[in-house]
Amino acid sequence: KIIGVHILGSNADDLINYFALIMKFDLPYDEVGKTIFAYPSSASDLSYFLE
């Protein structure tokens, strides 16, 4: 379960929204890691963050 996130750097404002949804709907991180995101984008790295 993800209980909090800190993100620093470029595109942090985009990435924090994904983590807010994950926490709001209590999504399991292993399921989110299987999601396909647009590439290339900062969101495409979410699956690597969640490994």
Protein backbone atom coordinates (compact mmCIF):
# COMPACT_ATOMS: atom_id res chain seq x y z
CA LYS A 1 0.00 0.00 0.00
CA ILE A 2 1.29 3.44 -0.89
CA ILE A 3 0.76 5.84 2.02
CA GLY A 4 2.68 8.88 0.78
CA VAL A 5 4.85 10.20 -2.02
CA HIS A 6 7.52 12.88 -2.39
CA ILE A 7 8.57 13.86 -5.90
CA LEU A 8 11.19 16.45 -6.80
CA GLY A 9 12.21 17.50 -10.28
CA SER A 10 10.79 18.28 -13.66
CA ASN A 11 7.29 16.95 -14.35
CA ALA A 12 6.72 16.30 -10.65
CA ASP A 13 3.38 18.06 -10.96
CA ASP A 14 2.25 15.50 -13.55
CA LEU A 15 3.47 12.46 -11.65
CA ILE A 16 1.99 13.41 -8.28
CA ASN A 17 -1.50 13.27 -9.79
CA TYR A 18 -1.05 9.60 -10.70
CA PHE A 19 0.05 8.78 -7.17
CA ALA A 20 -2.87 10.76 -5.73
CA LEU A 21 -5.29 8.56 -7.70
CA ILE A 22 -3.48 5.41 -6.62
CA MET A 23 -3.77 6.42 -2.96
CA LYS A 24 -7.35 7.73 -3.20
CA PHE A 25 -8.69 4.50 -4.69
CA ASP A 26 -6.34 2.28 -2.63
CA LEU A 27 -4.98 0.56 -5.74
CA PRO A 28 -2.39 -2.16 -5.19
CA TYR A 29 1.00 -1.02 -6.48
CA ASP A 30 1.64 -4.31 -8.32
CA GLU A 31 -1.49 -3.78 -10.43
CA VAL A 32 -0.56 -0.19 -11.21
CA GLY A 33 2.88 -1.41 -12.28
CA LYS A 34 1.21 -3.48 -15.01
CA THR A 35 -0.52 -0.42 -16.48
CA ILE A 36 0.71 0.82 -19.85
CA PHE A 37 1.36 4.56 -19.92
CA ALA A 38 2.09 6.80 -22.90
CA TYR A 39 5.72 6.68 -24.02
CA PRO A 40 7.82 8.76 -23.95
CA SER A 41 6.50 10.59 -20.93
CA SER A 42 7.35 10.95 -17.29
CA ALA A 43 4.40 8.68 -16.47
CA SER A 44 5.96 5.83 -18.45
CA ASP A 45 8.50 5.48 -15.62
CA LEU A 46 5.84 4.75 -12.99
CA SER A 47 6.14 1.00 -13.46
CA TYR A 48 9.86 1.27 -12.64
CA PHE A 49 9.13 3.34 -9.53
CA LEU A 50 6.74 0.67 -8.28
CA GLU A 51 9.05 -2.34 -8.69
